[in-house]
Amino acid sequence: MSYSSHRSENIIALLVIIVICFLVYIATIVADILGHNLKLYLGLQAASLMARPWTIVTSLFVHGGIWHLLANMLTLYFFGSFLTRVIGTRAFLTIYFCGGILGNIFFVLFAVLGFLTSPFDIVIGASGAVFALGGTLAVLTPRLRVYVFPIPAPVPLWGAVIGGFVIMSFIPGIAWQGHLGGLVFGLIAGLVLRRRAGTPFY
């Protein structure tokens, strides 16, 4: 299976996701002003998942603050624009949403088991889906090097992705379970795509 034909594909799907995330963020602010907690309605909570099953997906578009949103969207654009040109829009969307959903499933499972989180905790954000993209790229482009602030020299992308996961796992309030699920899915997806191509892309 050849992937060279996908390199000319545009990133409209990626931009649509980013725009939706910004619109949802604005909607949550307006809702807060009007006295409504939209994050509770769209965010994922293990205890209420059966009553609000749509939150397994909608939580991927909700963010807790402007810096949370900007950090996720900038990383999403970096990973997503590159990955779309390598494997195409359909594969990008599959990895993004499946990785994000698996990350949410991981969060729910850990919450139900009561392991370092509560069934009443709410998870929001696209981080799990973004880690899925990063994991895929880490496998497909093992020689790619990137700059990560404040490190002055370029580092392998795989090191940046794994290192980012480890560091963020120790930050209070971060849903590392979602990151883990997304990363696991991305690594597996990368291995499958790399096997089909027969060689790393970069």
Protein backbone atom coordinates (compact mmCIF):
# COMPACT_ATOMS: atom_id res chain seq x y z
CA MET A 1 0.00 0.00 0.00
CA SER A 2 1.48 3.33 -1.05
CA TYR A 3 1.08 6.53 0.93
CA SER A 4 2.83 8.87 -1.47
CA SER A 5 -0.46 9.87 -3.11
CA HIS A 6 -1.72 11.32 0.15
CA ARG A 7 1.01 13.93 0.50
CA SER A 8 -0.97 16.54 -1.44
CA GLU A 9 -4.06 16.20 0.76
CA ASN A 10 -5.16 19.40 2.50
CA ILE A 11 -5.71 19.91 6.20
CA ILE A 12 -9.32 21.12 6.10
CA ALA A 13 -10.49 18.36 8.46
CA LEU A 14 -7.79 19.34 10.94
CA LEU A 15 -8.75 23.01 10.77
CA VAL A 16 -12.43 22.14 11.26
CA ILE A 17 -11.57 20.29 14.48
CA ILE A 18 -9.57 23.27 15.72
CA VAL A 19 -12.37 25.72 14.89
CA ILE A 20 -14.93 23.53 16.67
CA CYS A 21 -12.74 23.44 19.78
CA PHE A 22 -12.51 27.23 19.81
CA LEU A 23 -16.27 27.61 19.27
CA VAL A 24 -17.02 25.16 22.08
CA TYR A 25 -14.64 27.07 24.35
CA ILE A 26 -16.47 30.32 23.60
CA ALA A 27 -19.79 28.55 24.21
CA THR A 28 -18.62 27.35 27.64
CA ILE A 29 -17.66 30.92 28.58
CA VAL A 30 -21.04 32.28 27.48
CA ALA A 31 -22.80 29.47 29.32
CA ASP A 32 -20.85 30.26 32.50
CA ILE A 33 -21.93 33.91 32.26
CA LEU A 34 -25.54 32.78 31.92
CA GLY A 35 -25.20 30.49 34.93
CA HIS A 36 -24.96 27.15 33.11
CA ASN A 37 -22.14 24.61 33.39
CA LEU A 38 -21.68 23.37 29.84
CA LYS A 39 -18.50 21.51 30.80
CA LEU A 40 -20.53 19.27 33.08
CA TYR A 41 -22.93 18.49 30.23
CA LEU A 42 -20.21 17.83 27.61
CA GLY A 43 -17.35 16.58 29.79
CA LEU A 44 -16.78 12.90 30.51
CA GLN A 45 -17.62 11.58 33.97
CA ALA A 46 -17.50 7.85 34.66
CA ALA A 47 -20.38 8.05 37.12
CA SER A 48 -22.74 9.62 34.58
CA LEU A 49 -21.50 8.01 31.35
CA MET A 50 -24.57 5.80 30.95
CA ALA A 51 -26.85 8.84 31.29
CA ARG A 52 -24.70 11.01 28.97
CA PRO A 53 -22.99 8.59 26.55
CA TRP A 54 -22.23 11.37 24.03
CA THR A 55 -19.59 12.72 26.41
CA ILE A 56 -17.19 9.97 25.32
CA VAL A 57 -16.79 12.12 22.16
CA THR A 58 -17.89 15.65 23.11
CA SER A 59 -15.32 15.84 25.89
CA LEU A 60 -12.62 15.89 23.20
CA PHE A 61 -13.81 19.35 22.12
CA VAL A 62 -14.06 20.95 25.57
CA HIS A 63 -11.18 22.72 27.34
CA GLY A 64 -10.79 24.14 30.81
CA GLY A 65 -9.05 27.39 30.00
CA ILE A 66 -7.41 29.40 27.25
CA TRP A 67 -3.93 28.00 27.90
CA HIS A 68 -5.26 24.45 27.96
CA LEU A 69 -6.95 25.13 24.63
CA LEU A 70 -3.98 26.86 23.00
CA ALA A 71 -1.48 24.21 24.09
CA ASN A 72 -3.64 21.40 22.72
CA MET A 73 -4.48 23.20 19.47
CA LEU A 74 -0.88 24.17 18.71
CA THR A 75 0.29 20.60 19.29
CA LEU A 76 -2.67 19.26 17.34
CA TYR A 77 -1.80 21.47 14.38
CA PHE A 78 1.86 20.45 14.47
CA PHE A 79 1.16 16.72 14.66
CA GLY A 80 -2.03 16.75 12.59
CA SER A 81 -0.79 18.78 9.63
CA PHE A 82 2.28 16.57 9.28
CA LEU A 83 0.43 13.29 9.76
CA THR A 84 -2.36 14.21 7.33
CA ARG A 85 0.17 14.80 4.58
CA VAL A 86 1.85 11.49 5.33
CA ILE A 87 -1.13 9.12 5.66
CA GLY A 88 -4.15 11.08 4.42
CA THR A 89 -7.24 12.67 5.95
CA ARG A 90 -9.23 9.49 6.58
CA ALA A 91 -6.42 7.77 8.48
CA PHE A 92 -5.72 10.98 10.42
CA LEU A 93 -9.36 11.26 11.53
CA THR A 94 -9.49 7.57 12.45
CA ILE A 95 -6.40 7.84 14.64
CA TYR A 96 -7.53 11.13 16.18
CA PHE A 97 -11.00 10.03 17.22
CA CYS A 98 -10.23 6.40 18.03
CA GLY A 99 -7.21 7.46 20.07
CA GLY A 100 -9.23 10.10 21.90
CA ILE A 101 -12.07 7.69 22.61
CA LEU A 102 -9.68 4.97 23.82
CA GLY A 103 -8.07 7.55 26.08
CA ASN A 104 -11.50 8.33 27.53
CA ILE A 105 -12.17 4.62 28.00
CA PHE A 106 -8.91 4.31 29.91
CA PHE A 107 -9.99 7.20 32.12
CA VAL A 108 -13.36 5.58 32.81
CA LEU A 109 -11.79 2.20 33.60
CA PHE A 110 -9.30 3.71 36.04
CA ALA A 111 -12.10 5.76 37.62
CA VAL A 112 -14.35 2.71 38.04
CA LEU A 113 -11.46 0.84 39.64
CA GLY A 114 -10.82 3.84 41.90
CA PHE A 115 -7.16 3.98 40.87
CA LEU A 116 -5.85 7.52 41.48
CA THR A 117 -9.13 9.05 40.32
CA SER A 118 -12.79 9.13 41.27
CA PRO A 119 -15.88 8.16 39.21
CA PHE A 120 -17.11 11.70 39.86
CA ASP A 121 -14.06 13.40 38.31
CA ILE A 122 -14.68 15.04 34.95
CA VAL A 123 -12.20 14.83 32.08
CA ILE A 124 -12.13 17.30 29.18
CA GLY A 125 -9.69 18.13 26.42
CA ALA A 126 -8.18 16.78 23.21
CA SER A 127 -4.93 15.64 24.84
CA GLY A 128 -5.62 11.91 24.49
CA ALA A 129 -6.35 12.31 20.78
CA VAL A 130 -3.26 14.50 20.35
CA PHE A 131 -1.09 11.89 22.06
CA ALA A 132 -2.49 9.32 19.64
CA LEU A 133 -1.22 11.44 16.74
CA GLY A 134 2.13 11.92 18.46
CA GLY A 135 2.49 8.20 19.10
CA THR A 136 1.75 7.41 15.47
CA LEU A 137 4.29 9.94 14.22
CA ALA A 138 6.89 8.70 16.71
CA VAL A 139 6.72 5.27 15.07
CA LEU A 140 6.37 6.42 11.46
CA THR A 141 9.10 9.08 11.61
CA PRO A 142 11.71 7.80 14.09
CA ARG A 143 14.46 9.96 12.59
CA LEU A 144 12.49 13.21 12.74
CA ARG A 145 13.94 15.73 15.20
CA VAL A 146 12.09 18.67 16.72
CA TYR A 147 12.83 21.61 19.01
CA VAL A 148 11.18 21.50 22.43
CA PHE A 149 11.36 24.57 24.67
CA PRO A 150 13.57 25.11 26.65
CA ILE A 151 15.95 22.46 25.23
CA PRO A 152 18.38 24.33 22.91
CA ALA A 153 19.08 21.36 20.61
CA PRO A 154 16.69 19.29 18.49
CA VAL A 155 15.52 16.00 20.01
CA PRO A 156 13.96 12.92 18.37
CA LEU A 157 10.20 13.28 18.05
CA TRP A 158 9.66 9.95 19.83
CA GLY A 159 11.66 11.28 22.78
CA ALA A 160 9.61 14.47 22.88
CA VAL A 161 6.34 12.52 22.82
CA ILE A 162 7.30 9.96 25.47
CA GLY A 163 9.04 12.60 27.59
CA GLY A 164 6.01 14.87 27.37
CA PHE A 165 3.77 12.04 28.54
CA VAL A 166 6.00 11.23 31.52
CA ILE A 167 6.37 14.86 32.61
CA MET A 168 2.66 15.66 32.26
CA SER A 169 1.74 12.53 34.23
CA PHE A 170 3.15 14.15 37.37
CA ILE A 171 1.24 17.42 37.00
CA PRO A 172 -1.78 17.62 39.35
CA GLY A 173 -5.13 17.79 37.60
CA ILE A 174 -3.84 16.15 34.41
CA ALA A 175 -5.80 13.12 33.16
CA TRP A 176 -2.76 10.96 32.48
CA GLN A 177 -5.05 7.97 31.96
CA GLY A 178 -6.45 9.59 28.82
CA HIS A 179 -2.97 10.42 27.61
CA LEU A 180 -1.91 6.82 28.16
CA GLY A 181 -4.85 5.40 26.21
CA GLY A 182 -4.30 7.76 23.31
CA LEU A 183 -0.56 7.11 23.24
CA VAL A 184 -1.03 3.33 23.27
CA PHE A 185 -3.48 3.54 20.36
CA GLY A 186 -1.15 5.84 18.42
CA LEU A 187 1.86 3.56 18.87
CA ILE A 188 -0.13 0.55 17.69
CA ALA A 189 -1.53 2.49 14.72
CA GLY A 190 1.98 3.60 13.80
CA LEU A 191 3.26 0.04 13.89
CA VAL A 192 0.42 -1.13 11.65
CA LEU A 193 0.95 1.66 9.12
CA ARG A 194 4.72 1.21 9.16
CA ARG A 195 4.38 -2.51 8.51
CA ARG A 196 2.09 -1.83 5.57
CA ALA A 197 4.54 0.69 4.12
CA GLY A 198 7.51 -1.58 4.79
CA THR A 199 9.79 1.23 5.96
CA PRO A 200 9.83 4.35 8.16
CA PHE A 201 8.64 7.47 6.36
CA TYR A 202 11.42 9.77 7.65
